Amino acid sequence: MYKATLIVEADTGVLAMPEDAHPASHLAMRAWRRWRERGSSSAAIENLDLDVVDDYVRQQSLDPYFLDFLDFVYEQRILFGVVSQRLDRIIELILRRNGVERVSVFANRLEVEPFTLRLGFPYFNILGCDLCPSCTLHHLRRFRRPGVPLIFVAEKAADVCPAREADLIFARGALLEACRAEGLVCEPFGSLRDVERILTRLIMKDELAGLPRRDPGAPDPPRGGGCSGYHREGGGDDPPAGGGPSPRCDAAGARPGARGSRNLWCPPAPPAARR
């Protein structure tokens, strides 16, 4: 049995360069707006310089601590996935280029066709909300397991909507301010190293399994109180003003550990098969 399910937003400790920092990252948002206007099932991006996309993939790297964090997740039998409002294939290419295989990425779909790229949005409006291209709340609900705590790690203000579903929230940046404004209990953090330290402490004290669970049958927040409070189509994440201090756990010492499998969504494979 898994000790926990952990969902991480791609910009939060996975990719070294935030996706907003390169022109290629705006493909998904631009296509999504076109998709909404036309009402089609996907959007073709024509006259696109593919060198821009290639340049982004070449420049991008993983957060320096991400591989060690994956080892920790594998060793502790924690179910793991990455979510993003961007493009699945680009993130997967970056992961594979760094030797990471079979980490599930839930994002907007990128398909390569002759002379064009086509973007699909399979997770748009899936819960009756049309404010985000890919519904992170849906992903958290989909991978909730009975008796298994659900952990969410993110930094964008729009992620306050799925954060309400999580049993344990790790927040920084705009999401931290949004959680404080709503009174959501969360753990402030600086990097995935902090997340590992806090989870290690909870596991060592046998407190992870005893985390209070969100009632899966609880009603959703009003439409106006979800992503719409902070989300803008252009991708901005300005937080609301106000809010008080958020509880913080003491961090335990860092874990010594060896490299493990990269097969983190399916049951872990033997270490020899990790690449």
Protein backbone atom coordinates (compact mmCIF):
# COMPACT_ATOMS: atom_id res chain seq x y z
CA MET A 1 0.00 0.00 0.00
CA TYR A 2 1.24 3.49 -0.80
CA LYS A 3 2.05 5.82 2.09
CA ALA A 4 0.72 8.86 0.24
CA THR A 5 -0.20 10.32 -3.14
CA LEU A 6 1.87 13.39 -4.04
CA ILE A 7 1.06 15.77 -6.91
CA VAL A 8 3.58 18.47 -7.87
CA GLU A 9 3.02 21.43 -10.18
CA ALA A 10 5.71 21.42 -12.88
CA ASP A 11 7.11 24.87 -12.09
CA THR A 12 7.44 23.98 -8.41
CA GLY A 13 10.75 22.18 -8.07
CA VAL A 14 10.54 20.10 -11.28
CA LEU A 15 11.71 22.45 -14.04
CA ALA A 16 14.68 24.69 -13.33
CA MET A 17 13.44 27.49 -15.58
CA PRO A 18 9.82 28.55 -15.02
CA GLU A 19 7.70 27.81 -18.05
CA ASP A 20 6.61 31.44 -18.32
CA ALA A 21 10.23 32.47 -18.94
CA HIS A 22 10.35 31.29 -22.57
CA PRO A 23 8.16 32.13 -25.61
CA ALA A 24 7.38 28.47 -26.31
CA SER A 25 5.60 28.15 -22.98
CA HIS A 26 2.79 30.46 -24.13
CA LEU A 27 1.68 28.06 -26.86
CA ALA A 28 -0.84 26.33 -24.62
CA MET A 29 -2.48 29.51 -23.37
CA ARG A 30 -2.66 31.02 -26.86
CA ALA A 31 -4.14 27.86 -28.35
CA TRP A 32 -6.57 27.49 -25.45
CA ARG A 33 -8.00 30.97 -26.01
CA ARG A 34 -8.38 30.17 -29.71
CA TRP A 35 -9.99 26.85 -28.81
CA ARG A 36 -12.54 28.57 -26.56
CA GLU A 37 -13.40 31.10 -29.27
CA ARG A 38 -13.92 28.47 -31.97
CA GLY A 39 -15.40 25.74 -29.78
CA SER A 40 -13.37 23.03 -31.52
CA SER A 41 -11.93 19.93 -29.88
CA SER A 42 -8.33 21.02 -30.50
CA ALA A 43 -6.34 23.92 -31.84
CA ALA A 44 -3.78 23.94 -34.61
CA ILE A 45 -0.80 26.25 -34.22
CA GLU A 46 0.21 27.22 -37.73
CA ASN A 47 3.27 29.11 -38.95
CA LEU A 48 5.11 28.15 -35.79
CA ASP A 49 8.88 28.21 -35.75
CA LEU A 50 9.68 24.77 -34.34
CA ASP A 51 13.16 26.00 -33.54
CA VAL A 52 11.57 28.04 -30.75
CA VAL A 53 10.22 24.88 -29.18
CA ASP A 54 13.51 23.03 -29.67
CA ASP A 55 15.38 25.93 -28.12
CA TYR A 56 13.15 25.81 -25.07
CA VAL A 57 13.69 22.08 -24.59
CA ARG A 58 17.46 22.49 -24.98
CA GLN A 59 17.63 25.36 -22.50
CA GLN A 60 15.41 23.74 -19.93
CA SER A 61 16.78 21.52 -17.19
CA LEU A 62 15.49 19.92 -14.02
CA ASP A 63 15.65 21.46 -10.60
CA PRO A 64 19.00 20.41 -9.05
CA TYR A 65 17.26 18.47 -6.26
CA PHE A 66 14.50 16.87 -8.31
CA LEU A 67 16.26 13.55 -8.99
CA ASP A 68 17.07 13.09 -5.31
CA PHE A 69 13.45 13.87 -4.47
CA LEU A 70 12.31 11.15 -6.89
CA ASP A 71 14.58 8.69 -5.11
CA PHE A 72 12.95 9.62 -1.82
CA VAL A 73 9.47 9.16 -3.32
CA TYR A 74 10.44 5.74 -4.67
CA GLU A 75 12.01 4.56 -1.43
CA GLN A 76 8.99 5.65 0.61
CA ARG A 77 6.42 4.17 -1.81
CA ILE A 78 4.66 7.45 -2.48
CA LEU A 79 2.47 7.66 -5.58
CA PHE A 80 3.75 10.57 -7.68
CA GLY A 81 2.58 12.72 -10.58
CA VAL A 82 3.26 16.09 -12.22
CA VAL A 83 0.56 18.54 -13.29
CA SER A 84 0.83 21.64 -15.49
CA GLN A 85 -1.23 24.14 -17.44
CA ARG A 86 1.30 23.82 -20.28
CA LEU A 87 2.20 21.06 -22.73
CA ASP A 88 2.66 17.41 -21.77
CA ARG A 89 5.08 16.40 -24.54
CA ILE A 90 7.52 19.24 -23.88
CA ILE A 91 7.69 18.41 -20.16
CA GLU A 92 8.08 14.70 -20.92
CA LEU A 93 10.92 15.41 -23.38
CA ILE A 94 12.75 17.42 -20.73
CA LEU A 95 12.29 14.63 -18.19
CA ARG A 96 13.49 11.93 -20.60
CA ARG A 97 16.49 14.00 -21.63
CA ASN A 98 17.50 13.93 -17.96
CA GLY A 99 17.03 10.17 -17.64
CA VAL A 100 13.59 10.26 -16.00
CA GLU A 101 11.17 7.72 -17.46
CA ARG A 102 7.52 6.91 -16.79
CA VAL A 103 6.72 9.81 -14.51
CA SER A 104 3.11 10.66 -15.34
CA VAL A 105 2.50 14.20 -16.57
CA PHE A 106 -1.05 15.56 -16.64
CA ALA A 107 -1.25 18.64 -18.87
CA ASN A 108 -2.52 19.89 -22.19
CA ARG A 109 -1.84 17.51 -25.04
CA LEU A 110 0.65 18.28 -27.82
CA GLU A 111 0.50 16.23 -31.02
CA VAL A 112 2.87 16.66 -33.94
CA GLU A 113 1.25 16.54 -37.38
CA PRO A 114 2.76 17.25 -40.80
CA PHE A 115 3.69 20.95 -40.96
CA THR A 116 1.81 21.84 -37.79
CA LEU A 117 1.39 21.20 -34.11
CA ARG A 118 -2.04 20.39 -32.71
CA LEU A 119 -2.95 21.01 -29.10
CA GLY A 120 -5.76 19.21 -27.31
CA PHE A 121 -7.37 20.01 -23.98
CA PRO A 122 -8.73 16.73 -22.57
CA TYR A 123 -9.02 18.09 -19.02
CA PHE A 124 -10.73 21.39 -19.84
CA ASN A 125 -14.13 22.08 -18.24
CA ILE A 126 -14.22 18.53 -16.94
CA LEU A 127 -15.82 19.60 -13.64
CA GLY A 128 -18.03 22.31 -15.11
CA CYS A 129 -15.45 25.10 -14.74
CA ASP A 130 -13.96 26.80 -17.80
CA LEU A 131 -11.30 28.94 -16.09
CA CYS A 132 -8.21 26.75 -16.67
CA PRO A 133 -6.99 24.76 -19.71
CA SER A 134 -6.22 21.67 -17.59
CA CYS A 135 -8.22 21.00 -14.42
CA THR A 136 -5.77 20.21 -11.61
CA LEU A 137 -8.66 19.68 -9.20
CA HIS A 138 -9.81 16.79 -11.40
CA HIS A 139 -6.38 15.18 -11.23
CA LEU A 140 -6.25 15.37 -7.44
CA ARG A 141 -9.70 13.84 -7.13
CA ARG A 142 -8.94 11.16 -9.69
CA PHE A 143 -5.89 9.88 -7.85
CA ARG A 144 -7.22 10.04 -4.31
CA ARG A 145 -6.95 6.57 -2.74
CA PRO A 146 -9.01 5.37 0.25
CA GLY A 147 -6.95 5.62 3.41
CA VAL A 148 -4.02 7.31 1.61
CA PRO A 149 -3.22 10.97 2.35
CA LEU A 150 -3.26 13.31 -0.65
CA ILE A 151 -0.41 15.85 -0.84
CA PHE A 152 -0.20 18.83 -3.19
CA VAL A 153 2.92 20.92 -3.87
CA ALA A 154 2.52 24.16 -5.83
CA GLU A 155 3.26 27.89 -5.98
CA LYS A 156 0.71 29.61 -8.24
CA ALA A 157 -2.28 31.49 -6.87
CA ALA A 158 -4.69 29.70 -9.23
CA ASP A 159 -3.70 26.43 -7.52
CA VAL A 160 -5.67 27.42 -4.43
CA CYS A 161 -8.65 25.73 -6.11
CA PRO A 162 -7.12 22.19 -6.20
CA ALA A 163 -5.28 22.86 -2.92
CA ARG A 164 -8.61 22.77 -1.11
CA GLU A 165 -8.88 19.10 -2.06
CA ALA A 166 -5.53 18.10 -0.54
CA ASP A 167 -4.98 16.68 2.94
CA LEU A 168 -1.56 18.34 3.12
CA ILE A 169 -0.59 21.46 1.15
CA PHE A 170 2.97 22.58 0.53
CA ALA A 171 2.79 26.18 -0.69
CA ARG A 172 5.17 28.95 -1.62
CA GLY A 173 4.94 32.22 -3.53
CA ALA A 174 1.50 33.36 -4.64
CA LEU A 175 -0.19 30.15 -3.50
CA LEU A 176 1.11 30.65 0.04
CA GLU A 177 -0.46 34.11 0.13
CA ALA A 178 -3.72 32.77 -1.33
CA CYS A 179 -3.87 29.98 1.29
CA ARG A 180 -3.28 32.50 4.07
CA ALA A 181 -6.04 34.73 2.70
CA GLU A 182 -8.48 31.80 2.73
CA GLY A 183 -7.34 30.40 6.06
CA LEU A 184 -6.14 27.14 4.49
CA VAL A 185 -3.60 25.31 6.65
CA CYS A 186 -0.44 24.77 4.63
CA GLU A 187 3.27 24.12 4.98
CA PRO A 188 5.50 26.91 3.63
CA PHE A 189 8.57 25.60 1.79
CA GLY A 190 11.46 26.82 -0.28
CA SER A 191 12.38 23.74 -2.32
CA LEU A 192 11.57 20.05 -2.64
CA ARG A 193 14.35 19.43 -0.13
CA ASP A 194 12.12 21.10 2.49
CA VAL A 195 9.18 18.95 1.39
CA GLU A 196 11.28 15.82 1.80
CA ARG A 197 12.46 16.84 5.25
CA ILE A 198 8.95 17.51 6.50
CA LEU A 199 7.59 14.27 5.02
CA THR A 200 10.52 12.36 6.53
CA ARG A 201 9.63 13.75 9.95
CA LEU A 202 5.98 12.81 9.53
CA ILE A 203 6.90 9.29 8.40
CA MET A 204 9.41 8.75 11.20
CA LYS A 205 6.85 9.85 13.80
CA ASP A 206 4.13 7.79 12.12
CA GLU A 207 2.06 10.94 11.66
CA LEU A 208 1.61 10.88 7.88
CA ALA A 209 -1.09 8.21 7.90
CA GLY A 210 -2.93 10.10 10.65
CA LEU A 211 -3.30 13.38 8.75
CA PRO A 212 -6.86 14.71 8.83
CA ARG A 213 -8.64 13.85 5.58
CA ARG A 214 -10.72 16.18 3.51
CA ASP A 215 -14.24 14.80 3.18
CA PRO A 216 -14.48 13.60 -0.46
CA GLY A 217 -18.21 14.18 -0.32
CA ALA A 218 -17.92 17.83 0.72
CA PRO A 219 -19.54 20.29 -1.70
CA ASP A 220 -17.36 22.24 -4.10
CA PRO A 221 -16.69 25.91 -3.37
CA PRO A 222 -18.81 28.41 -5.33
CA ARG A 223 -17.62 29.01 -8.86
CA GLY A 224 -16.58 32.56 -7.93
CA GLY A 225 -14.39 31.28 -5.10
CA GLY A 226 -12.24 28.89 -7.10
CA CYS A 227 -9.60 29.70 -9.67
CA SER A 228 -11.59 32.74 -10.75
CA GLY A 229 -10.46 34.56 -7.65
CA TYR A 230 -6.88 34.71 -8.93
CA HIS A 231 -6.58 33.19 -12.42
CA ARG A 232 -6.12 35.30 -15.52
CA GLU A 233 -6.06 34.00 -19.06
CA GLY A 234 -2.68 35.56 -19.65
CA GLY A 235 -1.19 33.29 -17.03
CA GLY A 236 -0.77 35.88 -14.23
CA ASP A 237 -0.77 34.82 -10.62
CA ASP A 238 -1.12 37.98 -8.57
CA PRO A 239 -2.32 37.00 -5.08
CA PRO A 240 -4.97 38.77 -3.06
CA ALA A 241 -3.90 41.12 -0.31
CA GLY A 242 -4.15 40.31 3.37
CA GLY A 243 -3.87 37.11 5.32
CA GLY A 244 -2.08 36.06 8.48
CA PRO A 245 0.67 33.68 9.39
CA SER A 246 0.49 30.07 8.24
CA PRO A 247 1.44 27.10 10.46
CA ARG A 248 4.89 25.69 9.83
CA CYS A 249 6.28 22.28 10.71
CA ASP A 250 9.80 21.93 12.03
CA ALA A 251 12.07 20.30 9.46
CA ALA A 252 13.94 17.15 10.33
CA GLY A 253 17.43 16.34 9.13
CA ALA A 254 18.04 15.54 5.48
CA ARG A 255 17.77 11.93 4.41
CA PRO A 256 20.82 10.07 3.24
CA GLY A 257 19.88 7.81 0.36
CA ALA A 258 20.91 6.13 -2.83
CA ARG A 259 19.47 6.42 -6.30
CA GLY A 260 16.27 4.45 -6.87
CA SER A 261 13.81 3.71 -9.63
CA ARG A 262 12.31 6.44 -11.79
CA ASN A 263 9.13 4.38 -12.21
CA LEU A 264 7.05 6.41 -9.80
CA TRP A 265 3.42 6.25 -10.87
CA CYS A 266 3.19 2.52 -11.44
CA PRO A 267 4.40 0.19 -8.67
CA PRO A 268 8.18 0.74 -8.39
CA ALA A 269 10.40 -1.30 -10.66
CA PRO A 270 13.73 -2.78 -9.55
CA PRO A 271 16.50 -0.15 -9.43
CA ALA A 272 18.29 -1.73 -12.40
CA ALA A 273 15.27 -0.89 -14.62
CA ARG A 274 15.01 2.75 -13.66
CA ARG A 275 16.37 4.17 -16.92
